[in-house]
Amino acid sequence: PGKTSYITRLNADGTIDNTFNPGAGANNAVAEVAIQPDGKLIIGGYFTSFNGKNSSRIARLNANGTIDHSFNPGTGADNSVDALALQPDGKILMGGAFNTYNGISVKRVARLNADGTLDKTFKLDTEIDGLVYAITLQPNGKILVGGYFHSFNGKMRFGGLTRLNADGSFDKSFNPGEGTLLSSVDVITLQPDGKILISGNFRFFNGVIRDHIARLHANGSIDDSFDSNRGVNEKINTIALQADGKILIGGD
């Protein structure tokens, strides 16, 4: 069997693709992978080096698994990068537990330019008071942020779910109410009709029983036509949509 270090690529039949060669790979967990249109990979996680090169929590790989030296994050993030999302313009949204990026104070959510430098035009109104586990970009450029946090911009968001405008400012038109009541939102997935699937460690959404998965309207309100009362008994860690609209889930 082939040796892998936190990242590998599989062929369609499940065997290891030996044309993907990350060398020594990452020295700690890779939590998130985002594939660029050109086939390059942005990876985020808990690692501080990749194939022996200092690379703190974020790196870009070429399609063959080697590190892309044209991507320069400097000293990178000072703590884990747990969420990534690619913008159509090539910029990269990232979220996690970090407080700085390349020595600059940016807490929990940041945007990078395509070369890995910090995009200073993206600025949150104020810091998020917890951890970010999920970032999803909507077609209109707005940014859904999920995690374990209780307030954003001085406004209570008990369920760890909020939305930002394209410049990082708080979107007041998105109102999840009490959200998931001090529990985490770990996954955010958009349906083609604009509705929002969320999953995580919660049992309620805005006071309604929703066992670890819920569907929301575009404005953040709960979609009552999707009833996950008496759903699964533990946290859902991943969601994938089938072409026929059915929803695959996996977790604990």
Protein backbone atom coordinates (compact mmCIF):
# COMPACT_ATOMS: atom_id res chain seq x y z
CA PRO A 1 0.00 0.00 0.00
CA GLY A 2 1.09 3.55 -0.67
CA LYS A 3 2.23 5.76 2.19
CA THR A 4 0.31 8.99 2.71
CA SER A 5 0.73 11.84 5.16
CA TYR A 6 -2.61 13.54 5.80
CA ILE A 7 -3.44 13.94 2.11
CA THR A 8 -3.75 11.61 -0.87
CA ARG A 9 -5.74 11.23 -4.06
CA LEU A 10 -7.76 8.20 -5.08
CA ASN A 11 -8.60 6.84 -8.49
CA ALA A 12 -12.26 6.33 -9.38
CA ASP A 13 -12.05 2.68 -8.20
CA GLY A 14 -10.73 3.71 -4.76
CA THR A 15 -7.08 2.78 -5.33
CA ILE A 16 -4.33 5.32 -4.56
CA ASP A 17 -3.41 7.59 -7.47
CA ASN A 18 0.38 7.39 -7.57
CA THR A 19 0.62 10.36 -9.95
CA PHE A 20 -0.31 12.57 -6.99
CA ASN A 21 2.91 13.01 -5.04
CA PRO A 22 2.88 15.29 -1.98
CA GLY A 23 6.23 13.97 -0.79
CA ALA A 24 6.33 13.99 3.01
CA GLY A 25 2.97 15.75 2.94
CA ALA A 26 1.64 17.69 5.91
CA ASN A 27 2.98 17.27 9.44
CA ASN A 28 -0.50 17.45 10.97
CA ALA A 29 -4.15 17.15 9.97
CA VAL A 30 -5.55 18.64 6.75
CA ALA A 31 -9.06 19.81 7.65
CA GLU A 32 -10.22 21.32 4.36
CA VAL A 33 -9.45 21.11 0.63
CA ALA A 34 -10.70 23.54 -2.03
CA ILE A 35 -10.06 22.86 -5.73
CA GLN A 36 -9.35 25.83 -7.97
CA PRO A 37 -10.63 25.90 -11.57
CA ASP A 38 -7.04 25.40 -12.78
CA GLY A 39 -6.77 22.16 -10.78
CA LYS A 40 -4.57 23.52 -8.02
CA LEU A 41 -5.58 22.74 -4.43
CA ILE A 42 -5.85 25.05 -1.44
CA ILE A 43 -5.46 23.10 1.79
CA GLY A 44 -6.07 24.27 5.34
CA GLY A 45 -5.76 22.60 8.69
CA TYR A 46 -3.49 22.13 11.69
CA PHE A 47 -0.16 21.56 9.91
CA THR A 48 2.85 23.86 10.17
CA SER A 49 4.88 22.39 7.31
CA PHE A 50 4.27 20.62 4.02
CA ASN A 51 6.90 18.35 2.50
CA GLY A 52 9.47 19.91 4.82
CA LYS A 53 8.67 23.53 3.91
CA ASN A 54 7.29 25.89 6.55
CA SER A 55 3.63 26.34 5.74
CA SER A 56 1.53 27.37 8.68
CA ARG A 57 -2.05 26.04 8.44
CA ILE A 58 -2.56 26.92 4.75
CA ALA A 59 -0.84 26.04 1.48
CA ARG A 60 -1.50 25.66 -2.23
CA LEU A 61 -0.58 22.51 -4.10
CA ASN A 62 -0.15 21.93 -7.79
CA ALA A 63 -2.44 19.35 -9.37
CA ASN A 64 0.28 16.69 -8.94
CA GLY A 65 0.50 17.26 -5.16
CA THR A 66 3.70 19.30 -5.06
CA ILE A 67 3.69 22.60 -3.20
CA ASP A 68 3.01 25.72 -5.29
CA HIS A 69 5.74 28.20 -4.41
CA SER A 70 3.91 31.07 -6.14
CA PHE A 71 1.43 31.04 -3.23
CA ASN A 72 3.08 32.93 -0.36
CA PRO A 73 1.20 33.11 2.96
CA GLY A 74 4.27 34.37 4.83
CA THR A 75 4.06 33.10 8.40
CA GLY A 76 0.49 31.95 7.71
CA ALA A 77 -2.17 31.52 10.36
CA ASP A 78 -1.33 31.22 14.06
CA ASN A 79 -4.02 28.57 14.65
CA SER A 80 -6.12 26.13 12.66
CA VAL A 81 -7.78 26.88 9.32
CA ASP A 82 -10.98 24.81 9.34
CA ALA A 83 -12.97 26.30 6.45
CA LEU A 84 -12.16 27.45 2.92
CA ALA A 85 -14.23 28.90 0.10
CA LEU A 86 -13.09 30.10 -3.32
CA GLN A 87 -14.46 33.26 -4.91
CA PRO A 88 -14.92 33.49 -8.70
CA ASP A 89 -12.28 36.26 -8.80
CA GLY A 90 -9.64 33.89 -7.39
CA LYS A 91 -9.69 35.24 -3.85
CA ILE A 92 -9.84 32.78 -0.98
CA LEU A 93 -12.07 32.97 2.09
CA MET A 94 -10.86 31.15 5.18
CA GLY A 95 -12.15 30.59 8.69
CA GLY A 96 -10.97 28.82 11.81
CA ALA A 97 -9.45 29.41 15.21
CA PHE A 98 -6.71 31.83 14.12
CA ASN A 99 -6.11 35.32 15.50
CA THR A 100 -3.40 36.46 13.08
CA TYR A 101 -2.35 35.89 9.49
CA ASN A 102 1.24 36.63 8.51
CA GLY A 103 1.53 38.63 11.72
CA ILE A 104 -1.53 40.80 11.05
CA SER A 105 -4.48 40.67 13.45
CA VAL A 106 -7.43 38.96 11.75
CA LYS A 107 -9.73 36.93 13.96
CA ARG A 108 -11.52 33.78 12.77
CA VAL A 109 -12.39 34.98 9.23
CA ALA A 110 -10.11 36.42 6.55
CA ARG A 111 -9.85 36.76 2.79
CA LEU A 112 -6.67 36.18 0.81
CA ASN A 113 -5.61 37.40 -2.59
CA ALA A 114 -4.83 34.73 -5.17
CA ASP A 115 -1.12 34.89 -4.32
CA GLY A 116 -1.71 34.11 -0.63
CA THR A 117 -1.34 37.65 0.71
CA LEU A 118 -4.00 39.09 3.00
CA ASP A 119 -6.78 41.02 1.28
CA LYS A 120 -6.96 44.16 3.41
CA THR A 121 -10.12 45.40 1.65
CA PHE A 122 -12.06 42.66 3.47
CA LYS A 123 -12.69 43.79 7.03
CA LEU A 124 -15.13 42.44 9.61
CA ASP A 125 -17.10 45.01 11.62
CA THR A 126 -15.79 43.34 14.77
CA GLU A 127 -14.44 39.99 15.85
CA ILE A 128 -16.39 36.76 16.13
CA ASP A 129 -16.35 35.55 19.74
CA GLY A 130 -15.78 31.86 19.02
CA LEU A 131 -14.64 29.40 16.36
CA VAL A 132 -15.52 29.18 12.65
CA TYR A 133 -16.07 25.75 11.12
CA ALA A 134 -17.83 26.54 7.84
CA ILE A 135 -17.80 29.23 5.15
CA THR A 136 -20.04 29.13 2.09
CA LEU A 137 -20.19 31.71 -0.66
CA GLN A 138 -23.61 32.49 -2.11
CA PRO A 139 -24.04 33.35 -5.82
CA ASN A 140 -24.80 36.99 -4.91
CA GLY A 141 -21.40 37.32 -3.23
CA LYS A 142 -22.66 37.16 0.34
CA ILE A 143 -20.86 34.86 2.75
CA LEU A 144 -22.45 32.42 5.18
CA VAL A 145 -20.38 31.72 8.28
CA GLY A 146 -21.02 28.88 10.72
CA GLY A 147 -19.28 27.69 13.84
CA TYR A 148 -19.40 27.84 17.60
CA PHE A 149 -19.88 31.50 18.46
CA HIS A 150 -22.54 33.48 20.27
CA SER A 151 -22.30 36.99 18.94
CA PHE A 152 -21.11 38.90 15.93
CA ASN A 153 -20.87 42.67 15.56
CA GLY A 154 -22.31 43.03 19.08
CA LYS A 155 -25.50 41.24 18.01
CA MET A 156 -26.40 37.91 19.54
CA ARG A 157 -26.22 34.94 17.18
CA PHE A 158 -26.66 32.09 19.63
CA GLY A 159 -26.48 29.34 17.05
CA GLY A 160 -23.17 30.13 15.43
CA LEU A 161 -24.63 31.25 12.12
CA THR A 162 -24.36 34.64 10.46
CA ARG A 163 -23.95 36.19 7.03
CA LEU A 164 -21.48 38.78 5.78
CA ASN A 165 -21.62 41.13 2.86
CA ALA A 166 -18.90 40.85 0.23
CA ASP A 167 -16.74 43.44 2.03
CA GLY A 168 -16.92 41.59 5.37
CA SER A 169 -19.57 43.78 6.97
CA PHE A 170 -22.48 42.25 8.87
CA ASP A 171 -25.57 41.51 6.75
CA LYS A 172 -28.55 42.70 8.77
CA SER A 173 -31.04 41.19 6.29
CA PHE A 174 -30.11 37.65 7.41
CA ASN A 175 -31.95 36.72 10.60
CA PRO A 176 -31.62 33.20 12.05
CA GLY A 177 -33.18 34.29 15.35
CA GLU A 178 -31.77 32.27 18.24
CA GLY A 179 -30.19 29.88 15.80
CA THR A 180 -28.92 26.64 17.27
CA LEU A 181 -28.90 27.68 20.94
CA LEU A 182 -25.24 27.60 21.96
CA SER A 183 -24.42 24.61 19.75
CA SER A 184 -22.23 24.50 16.67
CA VAL A 185 -22.98 24.76 12.97
CA ASP A 186 -20.29 22.65 11.28
CA VAL A 187 -21.52 22.42 7.68
CA ILE A 188 -23.35 24.84 5.36
CA THR A 189 -24.51 23.60 1.95
CA LEU A 190 -26.50 25.55 -0.63
CA GLN A 191 -29.27 23.98 -2.65
CA PRO A 192 -29.79 25.09 -6.27
CA ASP A 193 -33.02 26.85 -5.24
CA GLY A 194 -31.11 29.06 -2.79
CA LYS A 195 -32.22 27.27 0.37
CA ILE A 196 -29.55 26.59 2.96
CA LEU A 197 -28.80 23.24 4.60
CA ILE A 198 -26.94 23.37 7.91
CA SER A 199 -25.74 20.56 10.13
CA GLY A 200 -23.71 20.15 13.29
CA ASN A 201 -24.11 19.38 16.95
CA PHE A 202 -27.45 21.13 17.54
CA ARG A 203 -30.86 19.82 18.61
CA PHE A 204 -32.87 23.02 18.04
CA PHE A 205 -32.98 25.85 15.55
CA ASN A 206 -34.65 29.05 16.73
CA GLY A 207 -36.66 27.07 19.28
CA VAL A 208 -37.85 24.35 16.88
CA ILE A 209 -36.61 20.75 17.26
CA ARG A 210 -34.19 19.94 14.46
CA ASP A 211 -31.95 16.97 15.20
CA HIS A 212 -28.52 17.97 13.89
CA ILE A 213 -29.74 19.11 10.46
CA ALA A 214 -32.06 21.88 9.28
CA ARG A 215 -33.00 23.71 6.12
CA LEU A 216 -33.36 27.48 6.03
CA HIS A 217 -34.84 29.99 3.63
CA ALA A 218 -32.45 32.50 2.07
CA ASN A 219 -33.27 35.06 4.80
CA GLY A 220 -32.19 32.70 7.62
CA SER A 221 -35.65 31.60 8.75
CA ILE A 222 -36.38 27.91 9.19
CA ASP A 223 -37.95 25.97 6.31
CA ASP A 224 -40.83 24.08 7.94
CA SER A 225 -41.25 21.81 4.91
CA PHE A 226 -37.97 20.08 5.88
CA ASP A 227 -38.71 18.31 9.16
CA SER A 228 -35.73 16.64 10.82
CA ASN A 229 -37.45 16.20 14.20
CA ARG A 230 -36.38 12.75 15.41
CA GLY A 231 -33.58 12.86 12.85
CA VAL A 232 -30.12 11.51 13.65
CA ASN A 233 -28.84 10.98 17.18
CA GLU A 234 -25.35 12.52 16.84
CA LYS A 235 -23.50 15.26 14.99
CA ILE A 236 -23.57 15.40 11.17
CA ASN A 237 -20.12 16.26 9.78
CA THR A 238 -20.77 16.36 6.04
CA ILE A 239 -23.56 16.91 3.52
CA ALA A 240 -23.60 16.22 -0.22
CA LEU A 241 -26.40 16.87 -2.69
CA GLN A 242 -27.39 14.36 -5.35
CA ALA A 243 -28.48 15.47 -8.80
CA ASP A 244 -32.05 14.33 -8.01
CA GLY A 245 -32.21 16.64 -4.97
CA LYS A 246 -31.77 13.96 -2.35
CA ILE A 247 -29.33 14.69 0.46
CA LEU A 248 -26.46 12.46 1.62
CA ILE A 249 -25.26 12.91 5.20
CA GLY A 250 -22.39 11.44 7.20
CA GLY A 251 -21.19 11.85 10.75
CA ASP A 252 -21.14 10.44 14.25
